[in-house]
N, C-alpha and C. Protein backbone atom coordinates (compact mmCIF):
# COMPACT_ATOMS: atom_id res chain seq x y z
N MET A 1 94.87 -38.05 -58.61
CA MET A 1 94.30 -38.73 -57.47
C MET A 1 93.28 -37.79 -56.81
N SER A 2 92.10 -38.30 -56.54
CA SER A 2 91.07 -37.47 -55.92
C SER A 2 91.39 -37.23 -54.45
N LYS A 3 90.74 -36.23 -53.89
CA LYS A 3 90.96 -35.92 -52.48
C LYS A 3 90.54 -37.07 -51.58
N VAL A 4 89.45 -37.73 -51.93
CA VAL A 4 88.97 -38.85 -51.12
C VAL A 4 89.98 -40.00 -51.15
N ALA A 5 90.51 -40.29 -52.34
CA ALA A 5 91.51 -41.36 -52.46
C ALA A 5 92.78 -41.00 -51.71
N ALA A 6 93.21 -39.75 -51.79
CA ALA A 6 94.42 -39.31 -51.10
C ALA A 6 94.23 -39.39 -49.58
N ARG A 7 93.06 -38.97 -49.12
CA ARG A 7 92.78 -39.03 -47.68
C ARG A 7 92.74 -40.47 -47.20
N HIS A 8 92.15 -41.36 -48.00
CA HIS A 8 92.09 -42.78 -47.64
C HIS A 8 93.50 -43.37 -47.58
N ALA A 9 94.35 -43.02 -48.54
CA ALA A 9 95.73 -43.52 -48.56
C ALA A 9 96.48 -43.04 -47.32
N ALA A 10 96.30 -41.78 -46.94
CA ALA A 10 96.96 -41.25 -45.75
C ALA A 10 96.49 -41.96 -44.49
N GLN A 11 95.20 -42.26 -44.41
CA GLN A 11 94.67 -42.98 -43.26
C GLN A 11 95.23 -44.39 -43.18
N GLN A 12 95.40 -45.04 -44.32
CA GLN A 12 95.96 -46.40 -44.33
C GLN A 12 97.40 -46.40 -43.85
N VAL A 13 98.19 -45.41 -44.30
CA VAL A 13 99.59 -45.32 -43.86
C VAL A 13 99.63 -45.08 -42.36
N SER A 14 98.81 -44.17 -41.87
CA SER A 14 98.77 -43.87 -40.44
C SER A 14 98.35 -45.10 -39.64
N LYS A 15 97.38 -45.83 -40.14
CA LYS A 15 96.88 -47.00 -39.44
C LYS A 15 97.96 -48.07 -39.30
N HIS A 16 98.81 -48.23 -40.31
CA HIS A 16 99.84 -49.26 -40.27
C HIS A 16 101.03 -48.84 -39.41
N GLN A 17 101.22 -47.56 -39.16
CA GLN A 17 102.37 -47.10 -38.38
C GLN A 17 102.06 -47.00 -36.89
N ASP A 18 100.82 -46.91 -36.51
CA ASP A 18 100.46 -46.74 -35.11
C ASP A 18 100.34 -48.08 -34.40
N VAL A 19 100.64 -48.05 -33.09
CA VAL A 19 100.46 -49.22 -32.24
C VAL A 19 99.06 -49.13 -31.65
N ARG A 20 98.30 -50.19 -31.81
CA ARG A 20 96.93 -50.24 -31.27
C ARG A 20 96.79 -51.47 -30.38
N ILE A 21 96.07 -51.28 -29.28
CA ILE A 21 95.76 -52.42 -28.42
C ILE A 21 94.25 -52.46 -28.23
N THR A 22 93.73 -53.65 -28.04
CA THR A 22 92.30 -53.84 -27.80
C THR A 22 92.11 -54.33 -26.38
N LEU A 23 91.36 -53.57 -25.60
CA LEU A 23 91.09 -53.93 -24.22
C LEU A 23 89.62 -54.29 -24.07
N PRO A 24 89.33 -55.39 -23.36
CA PRO A 24 87.93 -55.76 -23.16
C PRO A 24 87.16 -54.66 -22.43
N GLY A 25 86.03 -54.30 -22.96
CA GLY A 25 85.19 -53.28 -22.35
C GLY A 25 85.55 -51.86 -22.76
N LEU A 26 86.78 -51.64 -23.21
CA LEU A 26 87.20 -50.30 -23.61
C LEU A 26 87.31 -50.15 -25.11
N GLY A 27 87.54 -51.25 -25.81
CA GLY A 27 87.69 -51.20 -27.26
C GLY A 27 89.15 -51.01 -27.65
N THR A 28 89.36 -50.45 -28.83
CA THR A 28 90.69 -50.27 -29.37
C THR A 28 91.25 -48.91 -28.95
N ILE A 29 92.49 -48.93 -28.48
CA ILE A 29 93.16 -47.70 -28.05
C ILE A 29 94.38 -47.50 -28.95
N ASP A 30 94.49 -46.31 -29.52
CA ASP A 30 95.61 -45.96 -30.39
C ASP A 30 96.71 -45.36 -29.53
N LEU A 31 97.89 -45.99 -29.53
CA LEU A 31 99.01 -45.52 -28.72
C LEU A 31 100.01 -44.69 -29.51
N GLY A 32 99.79 -44.52 -30.80
CA GLY A 32 100.68 -43.73 -31.62
C GLY A 32 101.79 -44.56 -32.24
N PRO A 33 102.71 -43.90 -32.93
CA PRO A 33 103.81 -44.60 -33.57
C PRO A 33 104.75 -45.23 -32.54
N PRO A 34 105.40 -46.34 -32.90
CA PRO A 34 106.28 -47.03 -31.95
C PRO A 34 107.43 -46.17 -31.43
N ASP A 35 108.02 -45.32 -32.28
CA ASP A 35 109.13 -44.50 -31.81
C ASP A 35 108.68 -43.46 -30.78
N GLN A 36 107.51 -42.90 -30.97
CA GLN A 36 106.99 -41.94 -30.01
C GLN A 36 106.64 -42.64 -28.70
N LEU A 37 106.04 -43.82 -28.80
CA LEU A 37 105.69 -44.59 -27.61
C LEU A 37 106.94 -44.96 -26.82
N ALA A 38 108.01 -45.38 -27.51
CA ALA A 38 109.27 -45.73 -26.84
C ALA A 38 109.86 -44.51 -26.13
N TYR A 39 109.80 -43.36 -26.77
CA TYR A 39 110.33 -42.13 -26.18
C TYR A 39 109.60 -41.80 -24.88
N LEU A 40 108.27 -41.86 -24.92
CA LEU A 40 107.48 -41.52 -23.74
C LEU A 40 107.66 -42.53 -22.63
N VAL A 41 107.78 -43.81 -22.98
CA VAL A 41 108.04 -44.85 -21.97
C VAL A 41 109.41 -44.62 -21.34
N GLY A 42 110.38 -44.23 -22.16
CA GLY A 42 111.72 -43.94 -21.63
C GLY A 42 111.71 -42.78 -20.65
N ILE A 43 110.99 -41.72 -20.99
CA ILE A 43 110.87 -40.57 -20.08
C ILE A 43 110.19 -41.00 -18.78
N GLY A 44 109.15 -41.82 -18.89
CA GLY A 44 108.46 -42.32 -17.70
C GLY A 44 109.37 -43.20 -16.85
N ALA A 45 110.20 -44.02 -17.50
CA ALA A 45 111.13 -44.88 -16.76
C ALA A 45 112.17 -44.03 -16.02
N LEU A 46 112.68 -42.98 -16.67
CA LEU A 46 113.64 -42.10 -16.01
C LEU A 46 113.02 -41.45 -14.77
N ALA A 47 111.76 -41.06 -14.88
CA ALA A 47 111.08 -40.45 -13.74
C ALA A 47 110.81 -41.48 -12.65
N ALA A 48 110.41 -42.69 -13.05
CA ALA A 48 110.12 -43.75 -12.07
C ALA A 48 111.39 -44.14 -11.30
N LEU A 49 112.53 -44.11 -11.98
CA LEU A 49 113.81 -44.44 -11.33
C LEU A 49 114.42 -43.24 -10.61
N GLU A 50 113.69 -42.13 -10.61
CA GLU A 50 114.08 -40.89 -9.95
C GLU A 50 115.40 -40.33 -10.48
N ILE A 51 115.66 -40.58 -11.77
CA ILE A 51 116.81 -39.96 -12.42
C ILE A 51 116.46 -38.52 -12.78
N ILE A 52 115.19 -38.31 -13.16
CA ILE A 52 114.67 -36.96 -13.35
C ILE A 52 113.39 -36.84 -12.54
N GLU A 53 113.04 -35.63 -12.20
CA GLU A 53 111.82 -35.39 -11.41
C GLU A 53 110.58 -35.50 -12.29
N TRP A 54 109.45 -35.86 -11.67
CA TRP A 54 108.19 -36.01 -12.42
C TRP A 54 107.77 -34.74 -13.16
N PRO A 55 107.87 -33.56 -12.53
CA PRO A 55 107.48 -32.35 -13.28
C PRO A 55 108.34 -32.14 -14.53
N VAL A 56 109.62 -32.45 -14.43
CA VAL A 56 110.51 -32.31 -15.59
C VAL A 56 110.11 -33.32 -16.66
N ALA A 57 109.81 -34.55 -16.25
CA ALA A 57 109.38 -35.58 -17.20
C ALA A 57 108.10 -35.16 -17.91
N CYS A 58 107.16 -34.58 -17.17
CA CYS A 58 105.90 -34.14 -17.77
C CYS A 58 106.12 -33.01 -18.77
N ILE A 59 107.02 -32.08 -18.44
CA ILE A 59 107.30 -30.97 -19.34
C ILE A 59 107.98 -31.48 -20.62
N ILE A 60 108.93 -32.41 -20.47
CA ILE A 60 109.60 -32.98 -21.64
C ILE A 60 108.61 -33.72 -22.52
N ALA A 61 107.75 -34.54 -21.91
CA ALA A 61 106.76 -35.31 -22.67
C ALA A 61 105.77 -34.38 -23.38
N ALA A 62 105.31 -33.35 -22.67
CA ALA A 62 104.37 -32.41 -23.28
C ALA A 62 105.02 -31.67 -24.45
N GLY A 63 106.25 -31.27 -24.28
CA GLY A 63 106.97 -30.60 -25.37
C GLY A 63 107.13 -31.51 -26.58
N HIS A 64 107.44 -32.76 -26.32
CA HIS A 64 107.58 -33.72 -27.41
C HIS A 64 106.25 -33.91 -28.15
N LEU A 65 105.17 -34.05 -27.40
CA LEU A 65 103.86 -34.24 -28.02
C LEU A 65 103.43 -33.01 -28.80
N LEU A 66 103.70 -31.81 -28.27
CA LEU A 66 103.34 -30.59 -28.99
C LEU A 66 104.15 -30.43 -30.27
N ALA A 67 105.43 -30.78 -30.21
CA ALA A 67 106.27 -30.70 -31.41
C ALA A 67 105.79 -31.69 -32.46
N ASP A 68 105.40 -32.88 -32.03
CA ASP A 68 104.90 -33.88 -32.97
C ASP A 68 103.58 -33.45 -33.58
N GLN A 69 102.73 -32.83 -32.77
CA GLN A 69 101.44 -32.33 -33.28
C GLN A 69 101.67 -31.22 -34.31
N ARG A 70 102.63 -30.36 -34.05
CA ARG A 70 102.95 -29.27 -34.99
C ARG A 70 103.49 -29.84 -36.30
N ARG A 71 104.35 -30.86 -36.20
CA ARG A 71 104.91 -31.49 -37.39
C ARG A 71 103.80 -32.15 -38.20
N SER A 72 102.86 -32.80 -37.52
CA SER A 72 101.76 -33.44 -38.22
C SER A 72 100.89 -32.42 -38.94
N ALA A 73 100.64 -31.28 -38.31
CA ALA A 73 99.84 -30.23 -38.94
C ALA A 73 100.55 -29.67 -40.16
N THR A 74 101.88 -29.51 -40.06
CA THR A 74 102.66 -29.00 -41.19
C THR A 74 102.62 -29.99 -42.35
N LEU A 75 102.78 -31.27 -42.04
CA LEU A 75 102.73 -32.28 -43.09
C LEU A 75 101.35 -32.35 -43.74
N HIS A 76 100.32 -32.18 -42.94
CA HIS A 76 98.95 -32.19 -43.47
C HIS A 76 98.75 -31.02 -44.44
N ALA A 77 99.22 -29.84 -44.04
CA ALA A 77 99.09 -28.66 -44.91
C ALA A 77 99.91 -28.85 -46.19
N PHE A 78 101.08 -29.46 -46.09
CA PHE A 78 101.91 -29.72 -47.25
C PHE A 78 101.20 -30.69 -48.20
N GLY A 79 100.58 -31.72 -47.64
CA GLY A 79 99.84 -32.68 -48.47
C GLY A 79 98.67 -32.01 -49.20
N GLU A 80 97.97 -31.12 -48.52
CA GLU A 80 96.87 -30.41 -49.15
C GLU A 80 97.37 -29.51 -50.28
N ALA A 81 98.53 -28.89 -50.08
CA ALA A 81 99.10 -28.03 -51.12
C ALA A 81 99.51 -28.87 -52.33
N LEU A 82 100.00 -30.06 -52.10
CA LEU A 82 100.36 -30.95 -53.21
C LEU A 82 99.13 -31.39 -53.97
N GLU A 83 98.02 -31.62 -53.27
CA GLU A 83 96.78 -32.01 -53.93
C GLU A 83 96.28 -30.92 -54.87
N GLU A 84 96.45 -29.67 -54.46
CA GLU A 84 95.97 -28.54 -55.26
C GLU A 84 96.86 -28.28 -56.47
N ALA A 85 98.12 -28.71 -56.39
CA ALA A 85 99.06 -28.45 -57.49
C ALA A 85 98.78 -29.31 -58.70
């Protein structure tokens, strides 16, 4: 499989897993995978109901997003290593 074909396949998988909404005047907005979106909405709901404080909710959400970004980078590097093999 060529690199272009592999990259296209990865983009198609990503496109089907992410939640996207289209807003008039703004265009399409990518909200990420449904499980990540549910997690962040849950953290926001806990903060809105004052079960946890807003600064704590922001730190938890930021940590979750950073961990997900790190996992995505690791998976990307793994995919590139598989292409070279």
